[in-house]
Amino acid sequence: MILSTIILQAAAGAALGKAGAALGAAIAAIAAAIGIGKIGKSTMEAIARQPESTGNLRTSMIIAAGMVEGAALFAIIVALLAIVIK
């Protein structure tokens, strides 16, 4: 009787941990999408104000978006590893 209770509690804890890791991965992906959207919006507004600096702004936008995407990818990989390892 006691052994089955312990096993059930361990299984419930593992499922909760996996759900938390999946939620963390989803939040990281959504946050990256919002961040890249804001970067693109700001760049388009800046290009509209000063069209002659389009090249510099585009380069800066791509670098910033790549950094956000890299951080989000790292967060998603950590969350997925938490699912696999636990």
N, C-alpha and C. Protein backbone atom coordinates (compact mmCIF):
# COMPACT_ATOMS: atom_id res chain seq x y z
N MET A 1 0.82 -1.19 0.00
CA MET A 1 0.00 0.00 0.00
C MET A 1 0.86 1.26 0.00
N ILE A 2 1.87 1.29 0.83
CA ILE A 2 2.72 2.47 0.93
C ILE A 2 3.58 2.63 -0.33
N LEU A 3 4.06 1.52 -0.88
CA LEU A 3 4.88 1.58 -2.08
C LEU A 3 4.10 2.15 -3.26
N SER A 4 2.84 1.76 -3.40
CA SER A 4 2.03 2.29 -4.50
C SER A 4 1.78 3.79 -4.33
N THR A 5 1.64 4.24 -3.12
CA THR A 5 1.46 5.67 -2.86
C THR A 5 2.71 6.45 -3.24
N ILE A 6 3.85 5.92 -2.90
CA ILE A 6 5.12 6.58 -3.24
C ILE A 6 5.30 6.64 -4.76
N ILE A 7 4.98 5.57 -5.43
CA ILE A 7 5.12 5.53 -6.89
C ILE A 7 4.18 6.53 -7.55
N LEU A 8 2.95 6.60 -7.06
CA LEU A 8 1.98 7.55 -7.61
C LEU A 8 2.42 9.00 -7.39
N GLN A 9 2.96 9.30 -6.22
CA GLN A 9 3.43 10.66 -5.95
C GLN A 9 4.63 11.00 -6.82
N ALA A 10 5.53 10.06 -7.04
CA ALA A 10 6.69 10.31 -7.90
C ALA A 10 6.25 10.54 -9.34
N ALA A 11 5.28 9.77 -9.82
CA ALA A 11 4.78 9.94 -11.18
C ALA A 11 4.09 11.29 -11.35
N ALA A 12 3.33 11.70 -10.35
CA ALA A 12 2.65 13.00 -10.42
C ALA A 12 3.66 14.14 -10.43
N GLY A 13 4.72 14.02 -9.64
CA GLY A 13 5.75 15.05 -9.61
C GLY A 13 6.49 15.15 -10.92
N ALA A 14 6.77 14.02 -11.56
CA ALA A 14 7.46 14.01 -12.85
C ALA A 14 6.59 14.63 -13.92
N ALA A 15 5.30 14.34 -13.90
CA ALA A 15 4.40 14.91 -14.89
C ALA A 15 4.29 16.42 -14.72
N LEU A 16 4.27 16.87 -13.49
CA LEU A 16 4.19 18.30 -13.22
C LEU A 16 5.47 19.01 -13.68
N GLY A 17 6.61 18.36 -13.49
CA GLY A 17 7.87 18.93 -13.94
C GLY A 17 7.94 19.03 -15.45
N LYS A 18 7.45 18.02 -16.13
CA LYS A 18 7.44 18.05 -17.59
C LYS A 18 6.49 19.12 -18.12
N ALA A 19 5.36 19.28 -17.46
CA ALA A 19 4.42 20.33 -17.87
C ALA A 19 5.03 21.71 -17.65
N GLY A 20 5.76 21.86 -16.56
CA GLY A 20 6.43 23.14 -16.30
C GLY A 20 7.51 23.44 -17.32
N ALA A 21 8.26 22.44 -17.71
CA ALA A 21 9.31 22.63 -18.72
C ALA A 21 8.70 22.97 -20.08
N ALA A 22 7.59 22.31 -20.41
CA ALA A 22 6.91 22.62 -21.68
C ALA A 22 6.36 24.04 -21.65
N LEU A 23 5.82 24.44 -20.53
CA LEU A 23 5.32 25.81 -20.39
C LEU A 23 6.46 26.82 -20.51
N GLY A 24 7.61 26.49 -19.93
CA GLY A 24 8.77 27.38 -20.05
C GLY A 24 9.24 27.52 -21.49
N ALA A 25 9.24 26.44 -22.23
CA ALA A 25 9.63 26.49 -23.64
C ALA A 25 8.64 27.34 -24.44
N ALA A 26 7.36 27.18 -24.15
CA ALA A 26 6.35 27.98 -24.86
C ALA A 26 6.50 29.46 -24.55
N ILE A 27 6.74 29.80 -23.30
CA ILE A 27 6.91 31.20 -22.93
C ILE A 27 8.15 31.79 -23.60
N ALA A 28 9.23 31.02 -23.68
CA ALA A 28 10.44 31.49 -24.35
C ALA A 28 10.18 31.78 -25.82
N ALA A 29 9.44 30.90 -26.48
CA ALA A 29 9.15 31.10 -27.91
C ALA A 29 8.26 32.32 -28.12
N ILE A 30 7.26 32.48 -27.27
CA ILE A 30 6.36 33.64 -27.40
C ILE A 30 7.11 34.93 -27.11
N ALA A 31 7.95 34.93 -26.09
CA ALA A 31 8.71 36.13 -25.76
C ALA A 31 9.66 36.52 -26.88
N ALA A 32 10.28 35.52 -27.53
CA ALA A 32 11.16 35.81 -28.65
C ALA A 32 10.39 36.41 -29.82
N ALA A 33 9.20 35.88 -30.08
CA ALA A 33 8.39 36.42 -31.17
C ALA A 33 7.99 37.87 -30.90
N ILE A 34 7.63 38.16 -29.67
CA ILE A 34 7.27 39.55 -29.31
C ILE A 34 8.48 40.46 -29.44
N GLY A 35 9.63 39.98 -28.95
CA GLY A 35 10.85 40.79 -29.02
C GLY A 35 11.28 41.09 -30.45
N ILE A 36 11.25 40.09 -31.30
CA ILE A 36 11.64 40.30 -32.70
C ILE A 36 10.64 41.20 -33.40
N GLY A 37 9.37 41.07 -33.05
CA GLY A 37 8.36 41.97 -33.62
C GLY A 37 8.60 43.42 -33.25
N LYS A 38 8.98 43.64 -31.99
CA LYS A 38 9.28 45.02 -31.56
C LYS A 38 10.53 45.57 -32.25
N ILE A 39 11.51 44.69 -32.44
CA ILE A 39 12.73 45.13 -33.14
C ILE A 39 12.38 45.54 -34.57
N GLY A 40 11.60 44.71 -35.25
CA GLY A 40 11.20 45.02 -36.63
C GLY A 40 10.37 46.29 -36.71
N LYS A 41 9.45 46.47 -35.78
CA LYS A 41 8.61 47.67 -35.76
C LYS A 41 9.45 48.92 -35.58
N SER A 42 10.37 48.88 -34.63
CA SER A 42 11.22 50.05 -34.39
C SER A 42 12.10 50.36 -35.58
N THR A 43 12.61 49.33 -36.22
CA THR A 43 13.46 49.54 -37.39
C THR A 43 12.67 50.15 -38.55
N MET A 44 11.47 49.66 -38.77
CA MET A 44 10.65 50.22 -39.85
C MET A 44 10.29 51.68 -39.58
N GLU A 45 10.01 52.01 -38.32
CA GLU A 45 9.74 53.41 -37.97
C GLU A 45 10.98 54.27 -38.20
N ALA A 46 12.15 53.76 -37.85
CA ALA A 46 13.38 54.52 -38.05
C ALA A 46 13.69 54.69 -39.53
N ILE A 47 13.44 53.66 -40.33
CA ILE A 47 13.67 53.77 -41.77
C ILE A 47 12.70 54.77 -42.38
N ALA A 48 11.48 54.81 -41.87
CA ALA A 48 10.50 55.79 -42.39
C ALA A 48 10.94 57.21 -42.08
N ARG A 49 11.59 57.41 -40.95
CA ARG A 49 12.06 58.76 -40.60
C ARG A 49 13.32 59.14 -41.36
N GLN A 50 14.24 58.18 -41.54
CA GLN A 50 15.50 58.47 -42.23
C GLN A 50 15.79 57.37 -43.25
N PRO A 51 15.25 57.49 -44.44
CA PRO A 51 15.44 56.44 -45.45
C PRO A 51 16.89 56.25 -45.88
N GLU A 52 17.71 57.27 -45.74
CA GLU A 52 19.10 57.15 -46.19
C GLU A 52 19.93 56.23 -45.30
N SER A 53 19.48 55.93 -44.11
CA SER A 53 20.24 55.05 -43.22
C SER A 53 19.68 53.63 -43.18
N THR A 54 19.03 53.23 -44.25
CA THR A 54 18.39 51.92 -44.31
C THR A 54 19.38 50.77 -44.10
N GLY A 55 20.53 50.84 -44.74
CA GLY A 55 21.52 49.76 -44.65
C GLY A 55 22.01 49.54 -43.23
N ASN A 56 22.36 50.63 -42.55
CA ASN A 56 22.85 50.51 -41.17
C ASN A 56 21.77 49.97 -40.24
N LEU A 57 20.56 50.47 -40.43
CA LEU A 57 19.46 50.03 -39.56
C LEU A 57 19.12 48.56 -39.80
N ARG A 58 19.14 48.15 -41.05
CA ARG A 58 18.83 46.75 -41.36
C ARG A 58 19.88 45.82 -40.75
N THR A 59 21.14 46.21 -40.84
CA THR A 59 22.20 45.40 -40.26
C THR A 59 22.04 45.29 -38.75
N SER A 60 21.76 46.41 -38.11
CA SER A 60 21.56 46.39 -36.66
C SER A 60 20.35 45.54 -36.28
N MET A 61 19.30 45.61 -37.08
CA MET A 61 18.10 44.84 -36.80
C MET A 61 18.38 43.35 -36.90
N ILE A 62 19.11 42.93 -37.91
CA ILE A 62 19.40 41.51 -38.09
C ILE A 62 20.27 40.99 -36.95
N ILE A 63 21.23 41.78 -36.52
CA ILE A 63 22.09 41.37 -35.40
C ILE A 63 21.28 41.24 -34.11
N ALA A 64 20.44 42.23 -33.84
CA ALA A 64 19.63 42.19 -32.62
C ALA A 64 18.62 41.03 -32.65
N ALA A 65 18.00 40.81 -33.80
CA ALA A 65 17.04 39.70 -33.91
C ALA A 65 17.75 38.36 -33.75
N GLY A 66 18.95 38.25 -34.27
CA GLY A 66 19.71 37.02 -34.11
C GLY A 66 20.07 36.76 -32.66
N MET A 67 20.40 37.80 -31.93
CA MET A 67 20.71 37.63 -30.50
C MET A 67 19.48 37.20 -29.71
N VAL A 68 18.34 37.80 -30.02
CA VAL A 68 17.09 37.41 -29.34
C VAL A 68 16.76 35.96 -29.68
N GLU A 69 16.89 35.61 -30.94
CA GLU A 69 16.59 34.25 -31.37
C GLU A 69 17.54 33.24 -30.72
N GLY A 70 18.80 33.60 -30.58
CA GLY A 70 19.76 32.71 -29.92
C GLY A 70 19.42 32.50 -28.46
N ALA A 71 19.04 33.55 -27.77
CA ALA A 71 18.67 33.42 -26.36
C ALA A 71 17.41 32.56 -26.22
N ALA A 72 16.46 32.74 -27.12
CA ALA A 72 15.23 31.95 -27.07
C ALA A 72 15.52 30.48 -27.37
N LEU A 73 16.38 30.23 -28.33
CA LEU A 73 16.74 28.85 -28.66
C LEU A 73 17.42 28.17 -27.48
N PHE A 74 18.30 28.89 -26.80
CA PHE A 74 18.96 28.36 -25.62
C PHE A 74 17.94 28.02 -24.54
N ALA A 75 16.98 28.91 -24.32
CA ALA A 75 15.95 28.67 -23.30
C ALA A 75 15.09 27.46 -23.66
N ILE A 76 14.75 27.32 -24.93
CA ILE A 76 13.93 26.18 -25.35
C ILE A 76 14.71 24.87 -25.21
N ILE A 77 15.97 24.87 -25.54
CA ILE A 77 16.79 23.66 -25.40
C ILE A 77 16.91 23.27 -23.94
N VAL A 78 17.11 24.24 -23.06
CA VAL A 78 17.19 23.93 -21.62
C VAL A 78 15.88 23.35 -21.13
N ALA A 79 14.75 23.91 -21.57
CA ALA A 79 13.45 23.40 -21.15
C ALA A 79 13.23 21.97 -21.68
N LEU A 80 13.62 21.72 -22.92
CA LEU A 80 13.45 20.37 -23.47
C LEU A 80 14.38 19.37 -22.79
N LEU A 81 15.56 19.81 -22.41
CA LEU A 81 16.46 18.92 -21.66
C LEU A 81 15.88 18.60 -20.29
N ALA A 82 15.19 19.56 -19.72
CA ALA A 82 14.54 19.29 -18.43
C ALA A 82 13.47 18.23 -18.57
N ILE A 83 12.81 18.20 -19.71
CA ILE A 83 11.79 17.17 -19.94
C ILE A 83 12.46 15.81 -20.10
N VAL A 84 13.53 15.75 -20.86
CA VAL A 84 14.18 14.47 -21.15
C VAL A 84 14.93 13.92 -19.94
N ILE A 85 15.63 14.78 -19.23
CA ILE A 85 16.46 14.32 -18.12
C ILE A 85 15.62 13.92 -16.91
N LYS A 86 14.57 14.65 -16.63
CA LYS A 86 13.80 14.35 -15.43
C LYS A 86 12.96 13.14 -15.54
